[in-house]
Amino acid sequence: MSLNIQKIMENSKNDFALICAGMIHSDNIVDLNEIKYCHRLILKMFGEIVSFSDFILIVNNYENEHVKENFKSFYQKNNKLLNKYEKEYLITTLIILGLSDFEITKNEIQFLKDFSKSMKVNPEIVEKLVEKTKVFTEKIKPENII
């Protein structure tokens, strides 16, 4: 993990946890396995920025109408630390979360594009990152490994 990513997570743990909750909610299907998967992904990629019990509360209390404010807050706190690499790393993290069920919906892609716009990233980058991540995910589907 880059030093900038580490600082970004120190600056805005709750904002990023809320963004992850938004990604979970964006396909209108929320289940405990997805919440567990997301929390483990956060732990592996960023360390323990939020406890599992707190993350469940964040997901369960998530309100979609505040998402743009959350994106804006995240960007304002971190814009000096966010270079191309960090932005793509964060977007890819959310793509991996969206692909936890091995498919990504139009609503999830729109969420990713909205997040990317808030970070001054061309939404077309999202499409490219989704395609790259899908190719990798296809290789690790259970039926392709067994």
Protein backbone atom coordinates (compact mmCIF):
# COMPACT_ATOMS: atom_id res chain seq x y z
CA MET A 1 0.00 0.00 0.00
CA SER A 2 1.36 3.42 -0.93
CA LEU A 3 2.00 6.04 1.71
CA ASN A 4 -0.64 8.23 0.10
CA ILE A 5 -3.28 5.48 0.35
CA GLN A 6 -2.34 4.98 3.99
CA LYS A 7 -2.73 8.72 4.67
CA ILE A 8 -6.01 8.81 2.73
CA MET A 9 -7.41 6.04 4.92
CA GLU A 10 -6.21 7.81 8.07
CA ASN A 11 -7.91 11.02 6.88
CA SER A 12 -11.22 9.51 5.91
CA LYS A 13 -11.88 6.03 7.29
CA ASN A 14 -15.58 6.68 7.78
CA ASP A 15 -16.01 8.34 4.38
CA PHE A 16 -14.47 5.37 2.60
CA ALA A 17 -16.48 2.88 4.66
CA LEU A 18 -19.61 4.81 3.63
CA ILE A 19 -18.52 4.72 -0.01
CA CYS A 20 -18.09 0.93 0.26
CA ALA A 21 -21.55 0.72 1.85
CA GLY A 22 -22.90 2.69 -1.09
CA MET A 23 -21.31 0.25 -3.50
CA ILE A 24 -22.93 -2.64 -1.61
CA HIS A 25 -26.33 -0.92 -1.82
CA SER A 26 -25.98 0.22 -5.43
CA ASP A 27 -27.29 -3.04 -6.90
CA ASN A 28 -30.21 -3.05 -4.43
CA ILE A 29 -29.10 -6.42 -3.02
CA VAL A 30 -27.52 -6.42 0.42
CA ASP A 31 -26.65 -9.63 2.17
CA LEU A 32 -24.42 -10.60 5.04
CA ASN A 33 -21.95 -12.48 2.83
CA GLU A 34 -21.35 -9.38 0.72
CA ILE A 35 -20.85 -7.29 3.85
CA LYS A 36 -18.35 -9.85 5.20
CA TYR A 37 -16.55 -9.98 1.84
CA CYS A 38 -16.32 -6.20 1.68
CA HIS A 39 -14.99 -5.94 5.21
CA ARG A 40 -12.33 -8.59 4.53
CA LEU A 41 -11.38 -6.75 1.34
CA ILE A 42 -11.01 -3.49 3.29
CA LEU A 43 -8.86 -5.28 5.90
CA LYS A 44 -6.57 -6.78 3.26
CA MET A 45 -6.21 -3.62 1.20
CA PHE A 46 -6.19 -0.90 3.89
CA GLY A 47 -5.85 -2.49 7.34
CA GLU A 48 -8.46 -2.26 10.05
CA ILE A 49 -9.96 1.13 9.23
CA VAL A 50 -13.34 -0.01 10.55
CA SER A 51 -14.37 -2.89 12.82
CA PHE A 52 -16.77 -5.50 11.46
CA SER A 53 -19.53 -4.51 13.90
CA ASP A 54 -19.15 -0.83 12.98
CA PHE A 55 -19.15 -1.69 9.28
CA ILE A 56 -22.42 -3.62 9.65
CA LEU A 57 -23.94 -0.55 11.31
CA ILE A 58 -22.65 1.71 8.51
CA VAL A 59 -24.12 -0.59 5.84
CA ASN A 60 -27.42 -1.03 7.65
CA ASN A 61 -27.81 2.73 8.25
CA TYR A 62 -26.65 3.79 4.79
CA GLU A 63 -28.77 6.47 3.11
CA ASN A 64 -28.34 6.86 -0.63
CA GLU A 65 -29.41 10.51 -0.70
CA HIS A 66 -26.16 11.54 1.04
CA VAL A 67 -23.81 9.76 -1.38
CA LYS A 68 -22.75 12.87 -3.35
CA GLU A 69 -21.97 14.73 -0.12
CA ASN A 70 -19.88 11.76 0.99
CA PHE A 71 -17.98 11.68 -2.32
CA LYS A 72 -17.34 15.42 -2.04
CA SER A 73 -16.12 15.14 1.55
CA PHE A 74 -13.79 12.28 0.65
CA TYR A 75 -12.29 14.23 -2.26
CA GLN A 76 -11.91 17.49 -0.31
CA LYS A 77 -10.06 15.74 2.52
CA ASN A 78 -7.72 13.90 0.14
CA ASN A 79 -7.38 15.80 -3.14
CA LYS A 80 -3.72 16.65 -2.51
CA LEU A 81 -2.92 12.97 -1.94
CA LEU A 82 -4.92 11.59 -4.86
CA ASN A 83 -2.80 11.06 -7.95
CA LYS A 84 -3.80 8.86 -10.90
CA TYR A 85 -2.50 5.70 -9.19
CA GLU A 86 -4.39 6.26 -5.94
CA LYS A 87 -7.61 7.15 -7.74
CA GLU A 88 -7.48 4.02 -9.89
CA TYR A 89 -6.57 1.90 -6.85
CA LEU A 90 -9.66 3.12 -4.98
CA ILE A 91 -11.93 2.67 -8.00
CA THR A 92 -10.56 -0.83 -8.58
CA THR A 93 -11.20 -1.69 -4.93
CA LEU A 94 -14.85 -0.77 -5.44
CA ILE A 95 -14.98 -2.73 -8.71
CA ILE A 96 -13.69 -5.83 -6.91
CA LEU A 97 -16.40 -5.34 -4.32
CA GLY A 98 -19.01 -4.98 -7.08
CA LEU A 99 -17.76 -8.17 -8.68
CA SER A 100 -18.06 -10.16 -5.45
CA ASP A 101 -20.96 -12.01 -7.09
CA PHE A 102 -18.98 -12.28 -10.39
CA GLU A 103 -21.08 -9.71 -12.22
CA ILE A 104 -21.37 -5.94 -12.10
CA THR A 105 -24.70 -4.23 -12.70
CA LYS A 106 -25.48 -1.01 -14.54
CA ASN A 107 -26.33 0.61 -11.20
CA GLU A 108 -22.95 -0.41 -9.78
CA ILE A 109 -21.18 1.00 -12.84
CA GLN A 110 -23.12 4.25 -12.46
CA PHE A 111 -22.08 4.43 -8.80
CA LEU A 112 -18.45 3.94 -9.85
CA LYS A 113 -18.75 6.64 -12.52
CA ASP A 114 -20.28 9.07 -10.02
CA PHE A 115 -17.44 8.34 -7.60
CA SER A 116 -14.84 8.79 -10.34
CA LYS A 117 -16.36 12.12 -11.42
CA SER A 118 -16.18 13.35 -7.84
CA MET A 119 -12.44 12.61 -7.91
CA LYS A 120 -11.99 14.36 -11.27
CA VAL A 121 -11.48 11.07 -13.14
CA ASN A 122 -12.94 10.58 -16.61
CA PRO A 123 -15.81 8.08 -16.27
CA GLU A 124 -14.48 6.23 -19.33
CA ILE A 125 -11.61 5.08 -17.11
CA VAL A 126 -14.20 3.20 -15.04
CA GLU A 127 -15.25 1.20 -18.10
CA LYS A 128 -11.63 0.27 -18.83
CA LEU A 129 -10.92 -0.70 -15.22
CA VAL A 130 -14.13 -2.74 -15.05
CA GLU A 131 -13.16 -4.66 -18.19
CA LYS A 132 -9.63 -5.36 -16.91
CA THR A 133 -10.99 -6.50 -13.55
CA LYS A 134 -13.71 -8.65 -15.16
CA VAL A 135 -11.09 -10.50 -17.23
CA PHE A 136 -9.17 -11.33 -14.07
CA THR A 137 -12.34 -12.25 -12.16
CA GLU A 138 -13.41 -14.58 -14.96
CA LYS A 139 -10.18 -16.52 -14.44
CA ILE A 140 -10.89 -17.06 -10.75
CA LYS A 141 -14.54 -18.13 -10.98
CA PRO A 142 -14.94 -21.50 -9.24
CA GLU A 143 -16.00 -23.27 -12.45
CA ASN A 144 -12.83 -22.06 -14.18
CA ILE A 145 -10.54 -23.20 -11.40
CA ILE A 146 -11.94 -26.67 -10.76
